[in-house]
Amino acid sequence: MLAGAAVLAVLAAAQAIAPLTLAKKIPLPSVHGRIGHLAADYYQARLFVAASDNNSVEVIDVKADSLLASIPEVVDPHSVGYVKASNRIFVSNGGDGSLRMFDGSTFKPLGSLHLGMDPGTIRVDANANHERVYVGYGSGAIAVLDSQGKRLADIALKSHPESFQLAETQPRLFANLPDSHCVAVVDTANFKTLAEWPVTDGQENFPLAIDEEKRRVFVACRRPARLLVFDMDSGLLLARLRTVGAADDLFYDPIHARLYVTGGSGQLAVYAQKSANQYVELDPVATAAGARTGLFVPEWNRFFVAVRDFGSRGAEIRIYQPN
């Protein structure tokens, strides 16, 4: 009887452990207003933060957990990408429709490319044979550039792409098109759309993540606040769960088989992946109101959440340790 009680106590204690523990806060004292998306430089242990309203990109030294530099030559930056082959930082600028490039060591400007309306998500394909940069923009397009920033092609889409992800094991790109209420599947070998999966269980499908091993695509909707799970090959909807409000970022954690969703409601939603088709909502992690964006970096086993300034609270990056 005592042995059974001891086992139950151990199980209860294990369930009580929070999925993420706050490890550190890095102040951003000069940053004010909205904060856009984050990106990592895995090679030099740096984190880039698009401080949208501040018109800057903040560079954080992850090893020292401190602010390293601030890049001011940007206008309403939305997203950032780092390319190792050229040692360049790419920044999409909502304020003037440009994609700006900076030296990865000195942070000096290296030129810009005019894309047009609403340049947004940046993804880097770190293929050994060619590093490419993908940038969503306009009323329905993704620009494809080489590592130096030379424009190679444009992928035509039905409407403006929000979050999109590149597959690593096949030439595929999955993009959320909220205005068209669908997910577009693109062949990145010939830059053609292969399929469009309808998103009928929610609207404003902004963030997206993928799990290539289990062949799943995850989409978070804002109205209503739902997390949707699709089969990567067929586009079939397999599961739906409630999620946080104003979802803006979504990540799959292959280390712990989890999903993380950040949103403006002040919570980080966490889901355990029990199998390819079974997902269990865990206790949410309290962040801060308006903390919409974040970044999970599996190489560092860290989750970063961007917290904007509000009242007497200054802007900061919160670093969480997955348990």
C-alpha atoms as a PDB file:
ATOM      1  CA  MET A   1       0.000   0.000   0.000  1.00  0.00           C
ATOM      2  CA  LEU A   2       2.825   2.373   0.910  1.00  0.00           C
ATOM      3  CA  ALA A   3       4.687   1.495  -2.281  1.00  0.00           C
ATOM      4  CA  GLY A   4       1.627   2.335  -4.358  1.00  0.00           C
ATOM      5  CA  ALA A   5       1.211   5.652  -2.571  1.00  0.00           C
ATOM      6  CA  ALA A   6       4.873   6.457  -3.180  1.00  0.00           C
ATOM      7  CA  VAL A   7       4.503   5.806  -6.911  1.00  0.00           C
ATOM      8  CA  LEU A   8       1.449   8.064  -7.075  1.00  0.00           C
ATOM      9  CA  ALA A   9       3.335  10.778  -5.217  1.00  0.00           C
ATOM     10  CA  VAL A  10       6.217  10.588  -7.678  1.00  0.00           C
ATOM     11  CA  LEU A  11       3.831  10.781 -10.641  1.00  0.00           C
ATOM     12  CA  ALA A  12       2.027  13.737  -9.119  1.00  0.00           C
ATOM     13  CA  ALA A  13       5.336  15.527  -8.524  1.00  0.00           C
ATOM     14  CA  ALA A  14       6.404  14.902 -12.129  1.00  0.00           C
ATOM     15  CA  GLN A  15       3.133  16.319 -13.453  1.00  0.00           C
ATOM     16  CA  ALA A  16       3.579  19.385 -11.238  1.00  0.00           C
ATOM     17  CA  ILE A  17       6.881  20.337 -12.910  1.00  0.00           C
ATOM     18  CA  ALA A  18       6.320  23.231 -15.274  1.00  0.00           C
ATOM     19  CA  PRO A  19       7.178  22.454 -18.910  1.00  0.00           C
ATOM     20  CA  LEU A  20       9.322  25.610 -19.041  1.00  0.00           C
ATOM     21  CA  THR A  21      11.284  27.378 -16.322  1.00  0.00           C
ATOM     22  CA  LEU A  22      12.244  31.042 -16.519  1.00  0.00           C
ATOM     23  CA  ALA A  23      16.053  31.061 -16.440  1.00  0.00           C
ATOM     24  CA  LYS A  24      17.012  34.666 -17.161  1.00  0.00           C
ATOM     25  CA  LYS A  25      15.830  38.097 -18.260  1.00  0.00           C
ATOM     26  CA  ILE A  26      17.884  40.296 -20.593  1.00  0.00           C
ATOM     27  CA  PRO A  27      16.821  43.966 -20.370  1.00  0.00           C
ATOM     28  CA  LEU A  28      16.395  46.017 -23.530  1.00  0.00           C
ATOM     29  CA  PRO A  29      16.346  49.468 -21.902  1.00  0.00           C
ATOM     30  CA  SER A  30      16.415  51.459 -25.140  1.00  0.00           C
ATOM     31  CA  VAL A  31      13.634  49.505 -26.878  1.00  0.00           C
ATOM     32  CA  HIS A  32      10.109  50.911 -26.917  1.00  0.00           C
ATOM     33  CA  GLY A  33       6.901  49.736 -28.552  1.00  0.00           C
ATOM     34  CA  ARG A  34       6.080  46.649 -30.599  1.00  0.00           C
ATOM     35  CA  ILE A  35       8.638  43.887 -31.013  1.00  0.00           C
ATOM     36  CA  GLY A  36       8.628  41.783 -34.159  1.00  0.00           C
ATOM     37  CA  HIS A  37      10.180  38.386 -34.763  1.00  0.00           C
ATOM     38  CA  LEU A  38      13.421  36.862 -33.536  1.00  0.00           C
ATOM     39  CA  ALA A  39      16.174  34.907 -35.319  1.00  0.00           C
ATOM     40  CA  ALA A  40      19.251  32.989 -34.220  1.00  0.00           C
ATOM     41  CA  ASP A  41      22.830  32.855 -35.419  1.00  0.00           C
ATOM     42  CA  TYR A  42      23.682  29.316 -34.281  1.00  0.00           C
ATOM     43  CA  TYR A  43      27.342  29.650 -35.257  1.00  0.00           C
ATOM     44  CA  GLN A  44      28.263  32.694 -33.170  1.00  0.00           C
ATOM     45  CA  ALA A  45      25.590  32.284 -30.472  1.00  0.00           C
ATOM     46  CA  ARG A  46      23.696  35.465 -31.216  1.00  0.00           C
ATOM     47  CA  LEU A  47      20.020  36.352 -31.089  1.00  0.00           C
ATOM     48  CA  PHE A  48      18.534  39.019 -33.365  1.00  0.00           C
ATOM     49  CA  VAL A  49      15.426  40.907 -32.243  1.00  0.00           C
ATOM     50  CA  ALA A  50      13.365  42.997 -34.681  1.00  0.00           C
ATOM     51  CA  ALA A  51      12.312  45.950 -32.522  1.00  0.00           C
ATOM     52  CA  SER A  52       9.568  47.192 -34.852  1.00  0.00           C
ATOM     53  CA  ASP A  53       8.398  50.462 -33.291  1.00  0.00           C
ATOM     54  CA  ASN A  54      11.936  51.203 -32.127  1.00  0.00           C
ATOM     55  CA  ASN A  55      13.286  51.071 -35.704  1.00  0.00           C
ATOM     56  CA  SER A  56      16.200  48.886 -34.649  1.00  0.00           C
ATOM     57  CA  VAL A  57      17.486  45.321 -34.602  1.00  0.00           C
ATOM     58  CA  GLU A  58      18.873  44.344 -31.220  1.00  0.00           C
ATOM     59  CA  VAL A  59      21.759  41.855 -31.189  1.00  0.00           C
ATOM     60  CA  ILE A  60      22.140  39.682 -28.087  1.00  0.00           C
ATOM     61  CA  ASP A  61      25.167  37.629 -27.077  1.00  0.00           C
ATOM     62  CA  VAL A  62      23.546  34.381 -25.932  1.00  0.00           C
ATOM     63  CA  LYS A  63      26.681  33.085 -24.185  1.00  0.00           C
ATOM     64  CA  ALA A  64      27.025  36.222 -22.090  1.00  0.00           C
ATOM     65  CA  ASP A  65      23.257  36.795 -21.891  1.00  0.00           C
ATOM     66  CA  SER A  66      23.769  40.458 -22.645  1.00  0.00           C
ATOM     67  CA  LEU A  67      23.034  43.069 -25.300  1.00  0.00           C
ATOM     68  CA  LEU A  68      25.853  43.132 -27.856  1.00  0.00           C
ATOM     69  CA  ALA A  69      24.790  45.815 -30.336  1.00  0.00           C
ATOM     70  CA  SER A  70      21.889  47.705 -31.858  1.00  0.00           C
ATOM     71  CA  ILE A  71      21.408  48.164 -35.616  1.00  0.00           C
ATOM     72  CA  PRO A  72      19.541  51.450 -36.235  1.00  0.00           C
ATOM     73  CA  GLU A  73      19.399  51.626 -40.051  1.00  0.00           C
ATOM     74  CA  VAL A  74      15.993  49.899 -40.341  1.00  0.00           C
ATOM     75  CA  VAL A  75      12.377  51.079 -40.623  1.00  0.00           C
ATOM     76  CA  ASP A  76       9.686  49.108 -38.809  1.00  0.00           C
ATOM     77  CA  PRO A  77      11.628  45.795 -39.008  1.00  0.00           C
ATOM     78  CA  HIS A  78       9.434  42.714 -39.085  1.00  0.00           C
ATOM     79  CA  SER A  79      11.740  39.716 -39.444  1.00  0.00           C
ATOM     80  CA  VAL A  80      15.454  38.867 -39.450  1.00  0.00           C
ATOM     81  CA  GLY A  81      17.588  36.122 -41.015  1.00  0.00           C
ATOM     82  CA  TYR A  82      21.308  35.311 -40.765  1.00  0.00           C
ATOM     83  CA  VAL A  83      23.263  33.680 -43.608  1.00  0.00           C
ATOM     84  CA  LYS A  84      26.553  32.054 -42.614  1.00  0.00           C
ATOM     85  CA  ALA A  85      27.948  31.661 -46.169  1.00  0.00           C
ATOM     86  CA  SER A  86      28.003  35.422 -46.742  1.00  0.00           C
ATOM     87  CA  ASN A  87      28.053  36.498 -43.079  1.00  0.00           C
ATOM     88  CA  ARG A  88      25.079  38.719 -43.785  1.00  0.00           C
ATOM     89  CA  ILE A  89      22.071  39.756 -41.744  1.00  0.00           C
ATOM     90  CA  PHE A  90      18.838  40.228 -43.722  1.00  0.00           C
ATOM     91  CA  VAL A  91      16.048  42.431 -42.320  1.00  0.00           C
ATOM     92  CA  SER A  92      12.566  42.943 -43.790  1.00  0.00           C
ATOM     93  CA  ASN A  93      11.284  46.499 -43.293  1.00  0.00           C
ATOM     94  CA  GLY A  94       7.570  47.215 -43.178  1.00  0.00           C
ATOM     95  CA  GLY A  95       8.155  50.958 -43.087  1.00  0.00           C
ATOM     96  CA  ASP A  96       9.576  51.314 -46.590  1.00  0.00           C
ATOM     97  CA  GLY A  97       9.016  47.917 -48.233  1.00  0.00           C
ATOM     98  CA  SER A  98      12.720  47.062 -48.318  1.00  0.00           C
ATOM     99  CA  LEU A  99      14.934  44.118 -47.518  1.00  0.00           C
ATOM    100  CA  ARG A 100      18.129  45.475 -45.995  1.00  0.00           C
ATOM    101  CA  MET A 101      21.437  43.658 -45.611  1.00  0.00           C
ATOM    102  CA  PHE A 102      24.139  44.141 -42.987  1.00  0.00           C
ATOM    103  CA  ASP A 103      27.629  42.801 -42.370  1.00  0.00           C
ATOM    104  CA  GLY A 104      27.406  40.053 -39.764  1.00  0.00           C
ATOM    105  CA  SER A 105      30.554  41.211 -37.952  1.00  0.00           C
ATOM    106  CA  THR A 106      30.538  45.007 -38.154  1.00  0.00           C
ATOM    107  CA  PHE A 107      26.735  45.442 -38.576  1.00  0.00           C
ATOM    108  CA  LYS A 108      27.390  48.033 -41.287  1.00  0.00           C
ATOM    109  CA  PRO A 109      24.822  48.363 -44.130  1.00  0.00           C
ATOM    110  CA  LEU A 110      25.614  46.385 -47.288  1.00  0.00           C
ATOM    111  CA  GLY A 111      22.722  47.445 -49.472  1.00  0.00           C
ATOM    112  CA  SER A 112      19.007  46.965 -49.859  1.00  0.00           C
ATOM    113  CA  LEU A 113      16.400  45.519 -52.193  1.00  0.00           C
ATOM    114  CA  HIS A 114      12.973  47.072 -52.700  1.00  0.00           C
ATOM    115  CA  LEU A 115      10.270  44.411 -52.440  1.00  0.00           C
ATOM    116  CA  GLY A 116       7.131  46.489 -52.060  1.00  0.00           C
ATOM    117  CA  MET A 117       4.195  46.282 -49.705  1.00  0.00           C
ATOM    118  CA  ASP A 118       4.518  44.530 -46.354  1.00  0.00           C
ATOM    119  CA  PRO A 119       7.746  42.491 -46.525  1.00  0.00           C
ATOM    120  CA  GLY A 120       7.544  40.032 -43.666  1.00  0.00           C
ATOM    121  CA  THR A 121       8.701  36.538 -42.798  1.00  0.00           C
ATOM    122  CA  ILE A 122      12.302  35.616 -43.604  1.00  0.00           C
ATOM    123  CA  ARG A 123      13.515  32.005 -43.766  1.00  0.00           C
ATOM    124  CA  VAL A 124      17.034  30.809 -44.573  1.00  0.00           C
ATOM    125  CA  ASP A 125      17.631  27.515 -46.367  1.00  0.00           C
ATOM    126  CA  ALA A 126      21.091  26.490 -45.108  1.00  0.00           C
ATOM    127  CA  ASN A 127      21.602  23.865 -47.802  1.00  0.00           C
ATOM    128  CA  ALA A 128      25.232  22.728 -48.103  1.00  0.00           C
ATOM    129  CA  ASN A 129      25.256  23.459 -51.841  1.00  0.00           C
ATOM    130  CA  HIS A 130      23.457  26.787 -51.720  1.00  0.00           C
ATOM    131  CA  GLU A 131      22.155  29.027 -48.967  1.00  0.00           C
ATOM    132  CA  ARG A 132      18.977  30.760 -50.046  1.00  0.00           C
ATOM    133  CA  VAL A 133      16.895  33.434 -48.410  1.00  0.00           C
ATOM    134  CA  TYR A 134      13.090  33.432 -48.720  1.00  0.00           C
ATOM    135  CA  VAL A 135      11.107  36.603 -47.941  1.00  0.00           C
ATOM    136  CA  GLY A 136       7.325  36.915 -47.996  1.00  0.00           C
ATOM    137  CA  TYR A 137       5.889  40.186 -49.274  1.00  0.00           C
ATOM    138  CA  GLY A 138       3.124  41.984 -51.144  1.00  0.00           C
ATOM    139  CA  SER A 139      -0.325  40.743 -52.064  1.00  0.00           C
ATOM    140  CA  GLY A 140       0.959  37.227 -52.709  1.00  0.00           C
ATOM    141  CA  ALA A 141       4.644  36.455 -53.233  1.00  0.00           C
ATOM    142  CA  ILE A 142       7.832  35.059 -51.726  1.00  0.00           C
ATOM    143  CA  ALA A 143      11.135  36.401 -53.083  1.00  0.00           C
ATOM    144  CA  VAL A 144      14.008  33.918 -53.362  1.00  0.00           C
ATOM    145  CA  LEU A 145      17.551  35.299 -53.040  1.00  0.00           C
ATOM    146  CA  ASP A 146      21.051  33.854 -52.945  1.00  0.00           C
ATOM    147  CA  SER A 147      23.347  34.283 -49.945  1.00  0.00           C
ATOM    148  CA  GLN A 148      24.569  37.672 -51.228  1.00  0.00           C
ATOM    149  CA  GLY A 149      21.059  39.021 -51.674  1.00  0.00           C
ATOM    150  CA  LYS A 150      20.770  38.596 -55.437  1.00  0.00           C
ATOM    151  CA  ARG A 151      17.178  37.963 -56.466  1.00  0.00           C
ATOM    152  CA  LEU A 152      16.794  34.529 -58.075  1.00  0.00           C
ATOM    153  CA  ALA A 153      13.052  34.073 -58.398  1.00  0.00           C
ATOM    154  CA  ASP A 154       9.619  34.976 -57.056  1.00  0.00           C
ATOM    155  CA  ILE A 155       7.023  32.461 -55.920  1.00  0.00           C
ATOM    156  CA  ALA A 156       3.495  33.569 -56.820  1.00  0.00           C
ATOM    157  CA  LEU A 157       0.799  32.925 -54.184  1.00  0.00           C
ATOM    158  CA  LYS A 158      -2.945  33.651 -53.938  1.00  0.00           C
ATOM    159  CA  SER A 159      -2.493  36.240 -51.185  1.00  0.00           C
ATOM    160  CA  HIS A 160      -0.005  37.652 -48.693  1.00  0.00           C
ATOM    161  CA  PRO A 161       1.991  34.956 -46.878  1.00  0.00           C
ATOM    162  CA  GLU A 162       2.294  35.137 -43.120  1.00  0.00           C
ATOM    163  CA  SER A 163       4.455  32.495 -41.426  1.00  0.00           C
ATOM    164  CA  PHE A 164       5.972  29.840 -43.676  1.00  0.00           C
ATOM    165  CA  GLN A 165       8.431  27.010 -43.079  1.00  0.00           C
ATOM    166  CA  LEU A 166      10.941  25.180 -45.245  1.00  0.00           C
ATOM    167  CA  ALA A 167      11.236  21.404 -45.111  1.00  0.00           C
ATOM    168  CA  GLU A 168      14.739  19.978 -44.719  1.00  0.00           C
ATOM    169  CA  THR A 169      14.271  16.518 -46.215  1.00  0.00           C
ATOM    170  CA  GLN A 170      12.440  17.498 -49.414  1.00  0.00           C
ATOM    171  CA  PRO A 171      12.040  20.615 -51.600  1.00  0.00           C
ATOM    172  CA  ARG A 172       8.874  21.869 -49.931  1.00  0.00           C
ATOM    173  CA  LEU A 173       7.641  25.087 -48.379  1.00  0.00           C
ATOM    174  CA  PHE A 174       4.419  25.413 -46.347  1.00  0.00           C
ATOM    175  CA  ALA A 175       2.890  28.907 -46.116  1.00  0.00           C
ATOM    176  CA  ASN A 176      -0.071  30.346 -44.242  1.00  0.00           C
ATOM    177  CA  LEU A 177      -2.292  32.508 -46.482  1.00  0.00           C
ATOM    178  CA  PRO A 178      -4.868  33.922 -44.033  1.00  0.00           C
ATOM    179  CA  ASP A 179      -6.626  36.155 -46.574  1.00  0.00           C
ATOM    180  CA  SER A 180      -7.258  33.069 -48.720  1.00  0.00           C
ATOM    181  CA  HIS A 181      -8.073  30.851 -45.709  1.00  0.00           C
ATOM    182  CA  CYS A 182      -5.572  28.202 -46.726  1.00  0.00           C
ATOM    183  CA  VAL A 183      -2.095  26.726 -46.441  1.00  0.00           C
ATOM    184  CA  ALA A 184      -0.059  26.721 -49.658  1.00  0.00           C
ATOM    185  CA  VAL A 185       2.357  23.885 -50.421  1.00  0.00           C
ATOM    186  CA  VAL A 186       5.215  25.000 -52.703  1.00  0.00           C
ATOM    187  CA  ASP A 187       7.835  22.990 -54.578  1.00  0.00           C
ATOM    188  CA  THR A 188      11.063  24.944 -53.927  1.00  0.00           C
ATOM    189  CA  ALA A 189      12.855  23.125 -56.779  1.00  0.00           C
ATOM    190  CA  ASN A 190      10.726  24.894 -59.406  1.00  0.00           C
ATOM    191  CA  PHE A 191       8.997  27.539 -57.233  1.00  0.00           C
ATOM    192  CA  LYS A 192       5.504  26.307 -58.123  1.00  0.00           C
ATOM    193  CA  THR A 193       2.481  25.852 -55.847  1.00  0.00           C
ATOM    194  CA  LEU A 194       1.527  22.183 -55.612  1.00  0.00           C
ATOM    195  CA  ALA A 195      -1.539  22.361 -53.376  1.00  0.00           C
ATOM    196  CA  GLU A 196      -3.707  24.650 -51.262  1.00  0.00           C
ATOM    197  CA  TRP A 197      -5.236  23.166 -48.142  1.00  0.00           C
ATOM    198  CA  PRO A 198      -8.409  24.926 -46.972  1.00  0.00           C
ATOM    199  CA  VAL A 199      -8.412  26.208 -43.393  1.00  0.00           C
ATOM    200  CA  THR A 200     -12.079  26.085 -42.409  1.00  0.00           C
ATOM    201  CA  ASP A 201     -11.851  25.600 -38.632  1.00  0.00           C
ATOM    202  CA  GLY A 202     -10.506  29.069 -37.904  1.00  0.00           C
ATOM    203  CA  GLN A 203      -9.550  32.438 -39.362  1.00  0.00           C
ATOM    204  CA  GLU A 204      -6.393  34.563 -39.247  1.00  0.00           C
ATOM    205  CA  ASN A 205      -4.096  31.561 -39.573  1.00  0.00           C
ATOM    206  CA  PHE A 206      -0.812  33.368 -38.927  1.00  0.00           C
ATOM    207  CA  PRO A 207       1.853  31.141 -37.256  1.00  0.00           C
ATOM    208  CA  LEU A 208       2.897  27.760 -38.680  1.00  0.00           C
ATOM    209  CA  ALA A 209       5.346  24.980 -37.731  1.00  0.00           C
ATOM    210  CA  ILE A 210       6.231  21.542 -39.103  1.00  0.00           C
ATOM    211  CA  ASP A 211       7.319  18.130 -37.828  1.00  0.00           C
ATOM    212  CA  GLU A 212       8.912  16.333 -40.757  1.00  0.00           C
ATOM    213  CA  GLU A 213       9.591  13.095 -38.890  1.00  0.00           C
ATOM    214  CA  LYS A 214       5.923  12.509 -38.110  1.00  0.00           C
ATOM    215  CA  ARG A 215       4.774  14.317 -41.267  1.00  0.00           C
ATOM    216  CA  ARG A 216       2.679  16.977 -39.565  1.00  0.00           C
ATOM    217  CA  VAL A 217       1.977  20.672 -40.197  1.00  0.00           C
ATOM    218  CA  PHE A 218       0.733  22.833 -37.314  1.00  0.00           C
ATOM    219  CA  VAL A 219      -1.293  26.019 -37.776  1.00  0.00           C
ATOM    220  CA  ALA A 220      -2.543  28.442 -35.125  1.00  0.00           C
ATOM    221  CA  CYS A 221      -5.636  30.563 -35.800  1.00  0.00           C
ATOM    222  CA  ARG A 222      -6.695  33.697 -33.957  1.00  0.00           C
ATOM    223  CA  ARG A 223     -10.477  33.545 -34.538  1.00  0.00           C
ATOM    224  CA  PRO A 224     -11.324  31.393 -32.755  1.00  0.00           C
ATOM    225  CA  ALA A 225      -8.063  30.730 -30.917  1.00  0.00           C
ATOM    226  CA  ARG A 226      -7.276  27.220 -32.176  1.00  0.00           C
ATOM    227  CA  LEU A 227      -4.323  24.993 -32.944  1.00  0.00           C
ATOM    228  CA  LEU A 228      -4.836  22.794 -36.010  1.00  0.00           C
ATOM    229  CA  VAL A 229      -2.852  19.684 -36.978  1.00  0.00           C
ATOM    230  CA  PHE A 230      -2.632  18.685 -40.663  1.00  0.00           C
ATOM    231  CA  ASP A 231      -1.167  15.666 -42.397  1.00  0.00           C
ATOM    232  CA  MET A 232       1.888  16.928 -44.293  1.00  0.00           C
ATOM    233  CA  ASP A 233       1.277  14.747 -47.331  1.00  0.00           C
ATOM    234  CA  SER A 234      -2.488  14.875 -47.793  1.00  0.00           C
ATOM    235  CA  GLY A 235      -3.454  18.142 -46.087  1.00  0.00           C
ATOM    236  CA  LEU A 236      -6.082  16.290 -44.061  1.00  0.00           C
ATOM    237  CA  LEU A 237      -7.071  17.972 -40.785  1.00  0.00           C
ATOM    238  CA  LEU A 238      -6.313  15.499 -37.987  1.00  0.00           C
ATOM    239  CA  ALA A 239      -6.742  17.408 -34.719  1.00  0.00           C
ATOM    240  CA  ARG A 240      -7.881  20.716 -33.298  1.00  0.00           C
ATOM    241  CA  LEU A 241      -7.172  22.183 -29.845  1.00  0.00           C
ATOM    242  CA  ARG A 242      -7.805  25.477 -28.114  1.00  0.00           C
ATOM    243  CA  THR A 243      -4.834  27.861 -27.854  1.00  0.00           C
ATOM    244  CA  VAL A 244      -3.779  31.309 -26.638  1.00  0.00           C
ATOM    245  CA  GLY A 245      -5.262  34.534 -27.919  1.00  0.00           C
ATOM    246  CA  ALA A 246      -3.551  36.641 -30.604  1.00  0.00           C
ATOM    247  CA  ALA A 247      -1.179  33.809 -31.546  1.00  0.00           C
ATOM    248  CA  ASP A 248       1.889  35.135 -33.377  1.00  0.00           C
ATOM    249  CA  ASP A 249       4.550  32.410 -33.174  1.00  0.00           C
ATOM    250  CA  LEU A 250       4.398  28.608 -33.153  1.00  0.00           C
ATOM    251  CA  PHE A 251       7.249  26.119 -32.706  1.00  0.00           C
ATOM    252  CA  TYR A 252       7.720  22.371 -32.680  1.00  0.00           C
ATOM    253  CA  ASP A 253      10.202  21.062 -30.098  1.00  0.00           C
ATOM    254  CA  PRO A 254      11.665  17.763 -31.361  1.00  0.00           C
ATOM    255  CA  ILE A 255      13.699  17.286 -28.183  1.00  0.00           C
ATOM    256  CA  HIS A 256      10.708  17.075 -25.854  1.00  0.00           C
ATOM    257  CA  ALA A 257       8.017  16.304 -28.496  1.00  0.00           C
ATOM    258  CA  ARG A 258       6.075  19.477 -27.727  1.00  0.00           C
ATOM    259  CA  LEU A 259       4.437  22.461 -29.361  1.00  0.00           C
ATOM    260  CA  TYR A 260       4.746  26.044 -28.108  1.00  0.00           C
ATOM    261  CA  VAL A 261       2.446  28.928 -29.081  1.00  0.00           C
ATOM    262  CA  THR A 262       3.117  32.541 -28.068  1.00  0.00           C
ATOM    263  CA  GLY A 263       0.355  35.122 -28.081  1.00  0.00           C
ATOM    264  CA  GLY A 264      -0.528  38.597 -26.939  1.00  0.00           C
ATOM    265  CA  SER A 265      -2.784  37.322 -24.161  1.00  0.00           C
ATOM    266  CA  GLY A 266       0.213  36.900 -21.846  1.00  0.00           C
ATOM    267  CA  GLN A 267       0.506  33.123 -21.949  1.00  0.00           C
ATOM    268  CA  LEU A 268       2.649  30.569 -23.692  1.00  0.00           C
ATOM    269  CA  ALA A 269       0.575  27.529 -24.628  1.00  0.00           C
ATOM    270  CA  VAL A 270       2.324  24.151 -24.411  1.00  0.00           C
ATOM    271  CA  TYR A 271       1.207  20.807 -25.882  1.00  0.00           C
ATOM    272  CA  ALA A 272       2.681  17.342 -25.431  1.00  0.00           C
ATOM    273  CA  GLN A 273       2.821  15.250 -28.595  1.00  0.00           C
ATOM    274  CA  LYS A 274       1.843  11.757 -27.462  1.00  0.00           C
ATOM    275  CA  SER A 275       1.759  10.442 -31.033  1.00  0.00           C
ATOM    276  CA  ALA A 276       1.461  11.857 -34.531  1.00  0.00           C
ATOM    277  CA  ASN A 277      -2.292  12.268 -34.027  1.00  0.00           C
ATOM    278  CA  GLN A 278      -2.569  12.809 -30.266  1.00  0.00           C
ATOM    279  CA  TYR A 279      -1.784  16.089 -28.511  1.00  0.00           C
ATOM    280  CA  VAL A 280      -2.383  17.005 -24.868  1.00  0.00           C
ATOM    281  CA  GLU A 281      -2.568  20.570 -23.612  1.00  0.00           C
ATOM    282  CA  LEU A 282      -0.228  21.143 -20.657  1.00  0.00           C
ATOM    283  CA  ASP A 283      -0.385  23.947 -18.126  1.00  0.00           C
ATOM    284  CA  PRO A 284       0.285  27.271 -19.868  1.00  0.00           C
ATOM    285  CA  VAL A 285       3.330  29.330 -18.935  1.00  0.00           C
ATOM    286  CA  ALA A 286       2.657  32.893 -17.842  1.00  0.00           C
ATOM    287  CA  THR A 287       4.674  35.457 -19.815  1.00  0.00           C
ATOM    288  CA  ALA A 288       3.458  39.065 -20.067  1.00  0.00           C
ATOM    289  CA  ALA A 289       0.608  40.882 -21.773  1.00  0.00           C
ATOM    290  CA  GLY A 290       1.616  41.778 -25.304  1.00  0.00           C
ATOM    291  CA  ALA A 291       4.472  39.236 -25.430  1.00  0.00           C
ATOM    292  CA  ARG A 292       3.410  37.976 -28.843  1.00  0.00           C
ATOM    293  CA  THR A 293       6.670  36.786 -30.387  1.00  0.00           C
ATOM    294  CA  GLY A 294       9.336  34.276 -29.420  1.00  0.00           C
ATOM    295  CA  LEU A 295      11.813  31.739 -30.721  1.00  0.00           C
ATOM    296  CA  PHE A 296      12.573  28.152 -29.776  1.00  0.00           C
ATOM    297  CA  VAL A 297      16.143  27.170 -30.624  1.00  0.00           C
ATOM    298  CA  PRO A 298      16.597  23.381 -30.333  1.00  0.00           C
ATOM    299  CA  GLU A 299      20.369  23.709 -30.804  1.00  0.00           C
ATOM    300  CA  TRP A 300      20.491  25.604 -27.517  1.00  0.00           C
ATOM    301  CA  ASN A 301      17.444  24.000 -25.895  1.00  0.00           C
ATOM    302  CA  ARG A 302      16.162  27.461 -25.045  1.00  0.00           C
ATOM    303  CA  PHE A 303      12.921  29.323 -25.641  1.00  0.00           C
ATOM    304  CA  PHE A 304      13.156  33.104 -26.000  1.00  0.00           C
ATOM    305  CA  VAL A 305      10.135  35.373 -25.478  1.00  0.00           C
ATOM    306  CA  ALA A 306      10.122  39.049 -26.455  1.00  0.00           C
ATOM    307  CA  VAL A 307       8.414  41.264 -23.871  1.00  0.00           C
ATOM    308  CA  ARG A 308       7.596  44.829 -24.909  1.00  0.00           C
ATOM    309  CA  ASP A 309       7.706  47.786 -22.517  1.00  0.00           C
ATOM    310  CA  PHE A 310       4.493  48.641 -20.746  1.00  0.00           C
ATOM    311  CA  GLY A 311       4.022  51.274 -18.040  1.00  0.00           C
ATOM    312  CA  SER A 312       6.951  50.956 -15.641  1.00  0.00           C
ATOM    313  CA  ARG A 313       8.010  47.595 -17.117  1.00  0.00           C
ATOM    314  CA  GLY A 314      10.878  47.848 -19.563  1.00  0.00           C
ATOM    315  CA  ALA A 315      11.338  45.722 -22.652  1.00  0.00           C
ATOM    316  CA  GLU A 316      13.266  42.490 -22.203  1.00  0.00           C
ATOM    317  CA  ILE A 317      14.008  39.066 -23.594  1.00  0.00           C
ATOM    318  CA  ARG A 318      12.965  36.242 -21.285  1.00  0.00           C
ATOM    319  CA  ILE A 319      14.876  32.974 -21.610  1.00  0.00           C
ATOM    320  CA  TYR A 320      13.051  29.773 -20.658  1.00  0.00           C
ATOM    321  CA  GLN A 321      14.562  26.348 -20.075  1.00  0.00           C
ATOM    322  CA  PRO A 322      12.394  23.416 -21.237  1.00  0.00           C
ATOM    323  CA  ASN A 323      12.066  20.714 -18.558  1.00  0.00           C
END
